């Protein structure tokens, strides 16, 4: 599991782009792409290496105050773990 103190950043092989036809964020990587929903895009947009996982969780909790904090935390951690596993996000301690 990704540490809450880690600073996630897009891997060199991954690029975040806005699809002009669908107006959705797409995470591109060699020969593939992953269309992101609004929440996924919000998470990846914060993966600049400047925000810790904890800060990303806190920001999304503020933006989505209607959702239970534990749900947001779990979704962020799970999503980031998946992207790290695919080599699309790297983490710096």
N, C-alpha and C. Protein backbone atom coordinates (compact mmCIF):
# COMPACT_ATOMS: atom_id res chain seq x y z
N UNK A 1 0.85 -1.18 0.00
CA UNK A 1 0.00 0.00 0.00
C UNK A 1 0.89 1.24 0.00
N UNK A 2 0.48 2.22 -0.75
CA UNK A 2 1.23 3.46 -0.87
C UNK A 2 1.20 4.21 0.47
N UNK A 3 2.33 4.76 0.84
CA UNK A 3 2.43 5.49 2.11
C UNK A 3 1.74 6.84 1.99
N UNK A 4 1.07 7.24 3.04
CA UNK A 4 0.39 8.54 3.04
C UNK A 4 1.38 9.70 2.97
N UNK A 5 2.62 9.44 3.33
CA UNK A 5 3.64 10.49 3.31
C UNK A 5 4.37 10.56 1.96
N UNK A 6 4.06 9.63 1.04
CA UNK A 6 4.70 9.61 -0.27
C UNK A 6 4.22 10.78 -1.13
N UNK A 7 5.05 11.18 -2.07
CA UNK A 7 4.74 12.27 -2.99
C UNK A 7 4.62 11.68 -4.39
N UNK A 8 3.41 11.29 -4.81
CA UNK A 8 3.25 10.64 -6.11
C UNK A 8 3.44 11.61 -7.27
N UNK A 9 3.96 11.06 -8.37
CA UNK A 9 4.23 11.85 -9.56
C UNK A 9 4.03 10.94 -10.77
N UNK A 10 3.55 11.49 -11.87
CA UNK A 10 3.40 10.70 -13.08
C UNK A 10 4.74 10.12 -13.49
N UNK A 11 4.71 8.87 -13.91
CA UNK A 11 5.92 8.24 -14.43
C UNK A 11 6.30 8.92 -15.74
N UNK A 12 7.55 8.82 -16.11
CA UNK A 12 8.02 9.45 -17.34
C UNK A 12 7.26 8.96 -18.57
N UNK A 13 6.83 7.69 -18.55
CA UNK A 13 6.15 7.13 -19.71
C UNK A 13 4.67 7.53 -19.79
N UNK A 14 4.14 8.18 -18.77
CA UNK A 14 2.71 8.52 -18.72
C UNK A 14 2.50 10.01 -18.94
N UNK A 15 1.45 10.34 -19.66
CA UNK A 15 1.07 11.73 -19.93
C UNK A 15 -0.43 11.88 -19.71
N UNK A 16 -0.82 12.97 -19.07
CA UNK A 16 -2.23 13.26 -18.86
C UNK A 16 -2.65 14.27 -19.91
N UNK A 17 -3.69 13.94 -20.67
CA UNK A 17 -4.17 14.81 -21.74
C UNK A 17 -5.68 14.92 -21.68
N UNK A 18 -6.19 16.05 -22.13
CA UNK A 18 -7.63 16.27 -22.24
C UNK A 18 -8.07 15.86 -23.63
N UNK A 19 -9.01 14.91 -23.71
CA UNK A 19 -9.58 14.50 -24.99
C UNK A 19 -10.56 15.57 -25.42
N UNK A 20 -10.27 16.23 -26.52
CA UNK A 20 -11.10 17.36 -26.96
C UNK A 20 -12.49 16.93 -27.41
N UNK A 21 -12.63 15.69 -27.86
CA UNK A 21 -13.95 15.21 -28.30
C UNK A 21 -14.87 14.93 -27.11
N UNK A 22 -14.34 14.29 -26.09
CA UNK A 22 -15.17 13.88 -24.95
C UNK A 22 -15.04 14.82 -23.76
N UNK A 23 -14.04 15.70 -23.81
CA UNK A 23 -13.75 16.62 -22.71
C UNK A 23 -13.42 15.87 -21.41
N UNK A 24 -12.82 14.67 -21.55
CA UNK A 24 -12.41 13.87 -20.40
C UNK A 24 -10.88 13.79 -20.38
N UNK A 25 -10.34 13.66 -19.18
CA UNK A 25 -8.91 13.46 -19.03
C UNK A 25 -8.57 12.01 -19.39
N UNK A 26 -7.48 11.84 -20.11
CA UNK A 26 -7.02 10.52 -20.51
C UNK A 26 -5.56 10.38 -20.08
N UNK A 27 -5.27 9.29 -19.41
CA UNK A 27 -3.90 9.00 -19.00
C UNK A 27 -3.30 8.13 -20.08
N UNK A 28 -2.35 8.68 -20.83
CA UNK A 28 -1.73 7.98 -21.95
C UNK A 28 -0.40 7.38 -21.53
N UNK A 29 -0.15 6.18 -22.03
CA UNK A 29 1.12 5.52 -21.82
C UNK A 29 1.37 4.65 -23.03
N UNK A 30 2.58 4.15 -23.24
CA UNK A 30 2.92 3.49 -24.51
C UNK A 30 1.85 2.51 -25.01
N UNK A 31 1.32 2.86 -26.17
CA UNK A 31 0.36 2.05 -26.91
C UNK A 31 -0.96 1.83 -26.18
N UNK A 32 -1.25 2.61 -25.14
CA UNK A 32 -2.50 2.44 -24.41
C UNK A 32 -2.97 3.77 -23.87
N UNK A 33 -4.18 3.77 -23.37
CA UNK A 33 -4.73 4.96 -22.73
C UNK A 33 -5.78 4.54 -21.72
N UNK A 34 -5.97 5.35 -20.72
CA UNK A 34 -6.94 5.08 -19.67
C UNK A 34 -7.80 6.32 -19.51
N UNK A 35 -9.08 6.21 -19.86
CA UNK A 35 -10.00 7.34 -19.70
C UNK A 35 -10.33 7.45 -18.22
N UNK A 36 -10.14 8.64 -17.67
CA UNK A 36 -10.35 8.85 -16.24
C UNK A 36 -11.69 9.52 -15.98
N UNK A 37 -12.36 9.07 -14.94
CA UNK A 37 -13.57 9.78 -14.52
C UNK A 37 -13.12 11.05 -13.79
N UNK A 38 -14.08 11.83 -13.37
CA UNK A 38 -13.77 13.12 -12.75
C UNK A 38 -12.89 12.97 -11.51
N UNK A 39 -13.18 11.99 -10.69
CA UNK A 39 -12.40 11.77 -9.46
C UNK A 39 -11.00 11.30 -9.79
N UNK A 40 -10.89 10.34 -10.71
CA UNK A 40 -9.57 9.85 -11.11
C UNK A 40 -8.72 10.97 -11.68
N UNK A 41 -9.33 11.82 -12.50
CA UNK A 41 -8.60 12.94 -13.08
C UNK A 41 -8.14 13.90 -11.99
N UNK A 42 -9.01 14.16 -11.00
CA UNK A 42 -8.65 15.06 -9.91
C UNK A 42 -7.45 14.53 -9.14
N UNK A 43 -7.41 13.23 -8.94
CA UNK A 43 -6.28 12.62 -8.23
C UNK A 43 -5.00 12.75 -9.04
N UNK A 44 -5.07 12.36 -10.31
CA UNK A 44 -3.87 12.37 -11.15
C UNK A 44 -3.36 13.80 -11.36
N UNK A 45 -4.26 14.76 -11.47
CA UNK A 45 -3.84 16.15 -11.63
C UNK A 45 -3.02 16.64 -10.43
N UNK A 46 -3.25 16.04 -9.27
CA UNK A 46 -2.51 16.42 -8.07
C UNK A 46 -1.20 15.64 -7.91
N UNK A 47 -0.97 14.67 -8.78
CA UNK A 47 0.24 13.86 -8.72
C UNK A 47 1.37 14.56 -9.46
N UNK A 48 1.83 15.63 -8.87
CA UNK A 48 2.89 16.46 -9.46
C UNK A 48 4.22 16.29 -8.74
N UNK A 49 4.21 15.52 -7.66
CA UNK A 49 5.39 15.40 -6.83
C UNK A 49 5.46 16.48 -5.77
N UNK A 50 4.49 17.40 -5.80
CA UNK A 50 4.45 18.50 -4.84
C UNK A 50 3.47 18.25 -3.70
N UNK A 51 2.57 17.28 -3.89
CA UNK A 51 1.54 16.98 -2.88
C UNK A 51 1.75 15.56 -2.36
N UNK A 52 1.67 15.41 -1.06
CA UNK A 52 1.75 14.06 -0.49
C UNK A 52 0.40 13.38 -0.68
N UNK A 53 0.39 12.08 -0.52
CA UNK A 53 -0.86 11.33 -0.59
C UNK A 53 -1.83 11.88 0.45
N UNK A 54 -1.34 12.17 1.63
CA UNK A 54 -2.18 12.74 2.70
C UNK A 54 -2.82 14.05 2.23
N UNK A 55 -2.05 14.90 1.59
CA UNK A 55 -2.57 16.18 1.11
C UNK A 55 -3.62 15.98 0.01
N UNK A 56 -3.40 15.01 -0.85
CA UNK A 56 -4.37 14.70 -1.91
C UNK A 56 -5.68 14.25 -1.28
N UNK A 57 -5.59 13.36 -0.31
CA UNK A 57 -6.79 12.88 0.38
C UNK A 57 -7.52 14.03 1.04
N UNK A 58 -6.81 14.87 1.77
CA UNK A 58 -7.43 16.00 2.47
C UNK A 58 -8.11 16.95 1.50
N UNK A 59 -7.46 17.21 0.38
CA UNK A 59 -8.05 18.13 -0.60
C UNK A 59 -9.35 17.57 -1.18
N UNK A 60 -9.34 16.29 -1.51
CA UNK A 60 -10.55 15.69 -2.06
C UNK A 60 -11.66 15.59 -1.01
N UNK A 61 -11.28 15.38 0.24
CA UNK A 61 -12.29 15.36 1.31
C UNK A 61 -12.95 16.72 1.45
N UNK A 62 -12.18 17.79 1.29
CA UNK A 62 -12.75 19.15 1.35
C UNK A 62 -13.67 19.41 0.17
N UNK A 63 -13.26 18.97 -1.02
CA UNK A 63 -14.04 19.20 -2.23
C UNK A 63 -15.32 18.36 -2.27
N UNK A 64 -15.28 17.20 -1.62
CA UNK A 64 -16.42 16.28 -1.64
C UNK A 64 -16.88 16.01 -0.22
N UNK A 65 -17.19 17.06 0.50
CA UNK A 65 -17.57 16.95 1.90
C UNK A 65 -18.77 16.07 2.18
N UNK A 66 -19.58 15.82 1.14
CA UNK A 66 -20.76 14.99 1.33
C UNK A 66 -20.43 13.50 1.42
N UNK A 67 -19.27 13.12 0.93
CA UNK A 67 -18.86 11.71 0.98
C UNK A 67 -18.16 11.42 2.30
N UNK A 68 -18.36 10.23 2.85
CA UNK A 68 -17.66 9.87 4.09
C UNK A 68 -16.15 9.90 3.88
N UNK A 69 -15.40 10.52 4.79
CA UNK A 69 -13.94 10.64 4.64
C UNK A 69 -13.23 9.31 4.43
N UNK A 70 -13.69 8.27 5.11
CA UNK A 70 -13.06 6.96 4.96
C UNK A 70 -13.21 6.40 3.56
N UNK A 71 -14.32 6.71 2.92
CA UNK A 71 -14.55 6.23 1.55
C UNK A 71 -13.57 6.92 0.59
N UNK A 72 -13.43 8.22 0.73
CA UNK A 72 -12.52 8.97 -0.13
C UNK A 72 -11.09 8.49 0.08
N UNK A 73 -10.69 8.34 1.32
CA UNK A 73 -9.35 7.86 1.63
C UNK A 73 -9.09 6.50 0.98
N UNK A 74 -10.01 5.58 1.13
CA UNK A 74 -9.85 4.25 0.57
C UNK A 74 -9.77 4.30 -0.96
N UNK A 75 -10.62 5.10 -1.59
CA UNK A 75 -10.62 5.19 -3.05
C UNK A 75 -9.32 5.80 -3.57
N UNK A 76 -8.83 6.83 -2.92
CA UNK A 76 -7.57 7.46 -3.34
C UNK A 76 -6.42 6.46 -3.20
N UNK A 77 -6.32 5.81 -2.06
CA UNK A 77 -5.23 4.85 -1.84
C UNK A 77 -5.29 3.69 -2.82
N UNK A 78 -6.48 3.16 -3.06
CA UNK A 78 -6.65 2.04 -3.99
C UNK A 78 -6.28 2.46 -5.41
N UNK A 79 -6.76 3.62 -5.84
CA UNK A 79 -6.49 4.12 -7.17
C UNK A 79 -4.99 4.35 -7.37
N UNK A 80 -4.34 5.01 -6.41
CA UNK A 80 -2.91 5.25 -6.52
C UNK A 80 -2.12 3.95 -6.52
N UNK A 81 -2.52 3.00 -5.68
CA UNK A 81 -1.85 1.69 -5.67
C UNK A 81 -1.94 1.02 -7.04
N UNK A 82 -3.10 1.12 -7.67
CA UNK A 82 -3.29 0.53 -9.00
C UNK A 82 -2.37 1.20 -10.02
N UNK A 83 -2.30 2.53 -9.98
CA UNK A 83 -1.44 3.24 -10.93
C UNK A 83 0.03 2.97 -10.68
N UNK A 84 0.42 2.86 -9.40
CA UNK A 84 1.81 2.52 -9.08
C UNK A 84 2.11 1.12 -9.60
N UNK A 85 1.18 0.20 -9.41
CA UNK A 85 1.36 -1.18 -9.89
C UNK A 85 1.51 -1.27 -11.39
N UNK A 86 0.87 -0.37 -12.12
CA UNK A 86 0.97 -0.34 -13.58
C UNK A 86 2.17 0.47 -14.06
N UNK A 87 2.89 1.05 -13.12
CA UNK A 87 4.06 1.84 -13.48
C UNK A 87 3.72 3.21 -14.04
N UNK A 88 2.50 3.70 -13.77
CA UNK A 88 2.07 4.99 -14.31
C UNK A 88 2.30 6.14 -13.32
N UNK A 89 2.47 5.79 -12.07
CA UNK A 89 2.77 6.76 -11.01
C UNK A 89 3.99 6.24 -10.28
N UNK A 90 4.89 7.16 -9.98
CA UNK A 90 6.03 6.79 -9.14
C UNK A 90 5.92 7.60 -7.86
N UNK A 91 6.51 7.09 -6.81
CA UNK A 91 6.43 7.79 -5.53
C UNK A 91 7.82 8.08 -5.01
N UNK A 92 7.94 9.28 -4.47
CA UNK A 92 9.17 9.67 -3.82
C UNK A 92 8.86 9.81 -2.33
N UNK A 93 9.71 9.25 -1.48
CA UNK A 93 9.42 9.32 -0.03
C UNK A 93 9.42 10.74 0.49
